[in-house]
Structure formats: structure tokens, C-alpha cells
């Protein structure tokens, strides 16, 4: 990976580097690309598409509602509560 590629990626990612950092970053990014190349060569044809060879699957639990009784205590921390809700500043017109 050369300096121009690093600068291009930095621009796309909106990153700014000092000139003295660029040499180290070039080396690091080059190593990352090399690792990706090695991973792409790995034979994964025998692996499950879902990424798990576990036949058991996920353990499921039943959803249950638990009343904690903390809502009144929690709403005390709100800057400007409305009934039993937290209010936040408007961010979209």
C-alpha cells in the first residue's frame, strides 16, 4: 500500500494524519491487506453458511414481563418529565 492509497482511504474515512504518521500507517494498512488476502484464500466450502456447525441451535427462554416498581424512582432523574415519560429536545423538524 502506498502513500496515495493511504491518503485516499483517509480522505474517504475523514481521517487526518500527520506526515510523520503516514509511514507507520502505510505499513499497518499493508499488513491488514495481506491478512485479508490470506483469509480470502482459505477453503470455507465445507462450512455452514450460517457460521455455526452447532446442531443444537440456540437455547430459547420464554419472555416474561417483570414489574420492577422502579419507574417512579427513575423518572425522578428526568430533567423535564412528562407524566411517566422522559422528554428529550426536539432534533428533527
Protein backbone atom coordinates (compact mmCIF):
# COMPACT_ATOMS: atom_id res chain seq x y z
CA UNK A 1 0.00 0.00 0.00
CA UNK A 2 1.48 3.34 -0.98
CA UNK A 3 1.08 6.84 0.42
CA UNK A 4 -1.51 7.90 -2.18
CA UNK A 5 -3.74 4.93 -1.34
CA UNK A 6 -3.47 5.68 2.38
CA UNK A 7 -4.31 9.33 1.78
CA UNK A 8 -7.28 8.32 -0.40
CA UNK A 9 -8.64 6.00 2.27
CA UNK A 10 -8.03 8.64 4.93
CA UNK A 11 -9.99 11.17 2.89
CA UNK A 12 -12.91 8.77 2.45
CA UNK A 13 -12.87 7.98 6.16
CA UNK A 14 -12.43 11.66 7.04
CA UNK A 15 -9.22 10.95 8.90
CA UNK A 16 -6.27 13.30 9.13
CA UNK A 17 -2.75 12.09 9.72
CA UNK A 18 0.48 13.92 10.34
CA UNK A 19 3.21 13.30 7.75
CA UNK A 20 5.31 11.52 10.37
CA UNK A 21 2.43 9.04 10.99
CA UNK A 22 1.94 8.09 7.34
CA UNK A 23 4.88 5.69 7.05
CA UNK A 24 3.66 3.65 10.03
CA UNK A 25 0.08 3.71 8.76
CA UNK A 26 1.20 2.58 5.29
CA UNK A 27 2.94 -0.40 6.88
CA UNK A 28 -0.04 -1.26 9.12
CA UNK A 29 -2.58 -1.00 6.30
CA UNK A 30 -0.36 -3.11 4.08
CA UNK A 31 -0.28 -5.84 6.74
CA UNK A 32 -4.07 -5.69 7.08
CA UNK A 33 -4.47 -6.12 3.31
CA UNK A 34 -2.03 -9.07 3.41
CA UNK A 35 -4.09 -10.72 6.18
CA UNK A 36 -7.28 -10.22 4.17
CA UNK A 37 -5.61 -11.85 1.15
CA UNK A 38 -4.66 -14.86 3.31
CA UNK A 39 -8.24 -15.12 4.64
CA UNK A 40 -9.69 -14.97 1.14
CA UNK A 41 -7.59 -17.99 0.15
CA UNK A 42 -8.99 -20.13 2.96
CA UNK A 43 -11.22 -23.02 1.86
CA UNK A 44 -14.56 -22.47 3.58
CA UNK A 45 -16.66 -24.62 1.24
CA UNK A 46 -17.27 -27.21 3.96
CA UNK A 47 -18.54 -24.66 6.50
CA UNK A 48 -22.17 -23.90 7.22
CA UNK A 49 -23.39 -20.67 5.63
CA UNK A 50 -24.74 -19.53 8.99
CA UNK A 51 -21.30 -19.73 10.53
CA UNK A 52 -22.10 -22.44 13.05
CA UNK A 53 -21.72 -26.19 12.99
CA UNK A 54 -23.76 -26.48 16.16
CA UNK A 55 -26.71 -28.80 15.60
CA UNK A 56 -28.29 -27.85 18.91
CA UNK A 57 -29.31 -24.32 17.97
CA UNK A 58 -29.95 -21.50 20.38
CA UNK A 59 -31.50 -22.09 23.76
CA UNK A 60 -34.82 -20.28 23.91
CA UNK A 61 -36.36 -18.79 27.00
CA UNK A 62 -39.90 -17.70 27.50
CA UNK A 63 -40.42 -13.96 27.53
CA UNK A 64 -41.94 -12.70 30.70
CA UNK A 65 -42.89 -9.28 31.98
CA UNK A 66 -41.49 -8.38 35.37
CA UNK A 67 -42.78 -5.36 37.19
CA UNK A 68 -39.84 -3.77 38.95
CA UNK A 69 -41.67 -0.86 40.54
CA UNK A 70 -38.75 1.44 39.77
CA UNK A 71 -40.48 3.74 37.26
CA UNK A 72 -41.31 6.43 39.82
CA UNK A 73 -37.74 6.35 41.14
CA UNK A 74 -36.28 6.51 37.65
CA UNK A 75 -38.48 9.38 36.45
CA UNK A 76 -37.17 11.47 39.35
CA UNK A 77 -33.88 11.66 37.43
CA UNK A 78 -35.54 13.18 34.36
CA UNK A 79 -34.78 16.82 33.71
CA UNK A 80 -38.29 17.60 32.42
CA UNK A 81 -40.56 14.57 32.86
CA UNK A 82 -43.99 14.41 31.25
CA UNK A 83 -46.30 12.11 33.20
CA UNK A 84 -44.28 8.89 33.41
CA UNK A 85 -42.04 9.60 30.40
CA UNK A 86 -38.62 11.15 29.83
CA UNK A 87 -38.67 14.11 27.45
CA UNK A 88 -35.81 14.95 25.11
CA UNK A 89 -35.07 18.00 22.99
CA UNK A 90 -36.55 18.01 19.50
CA UNK A 91 -33.90 17.08 16.94
CA UNK A 92 -35.93 16.79 13.72
CA UNK A 93 -38.26 19.43 12.32
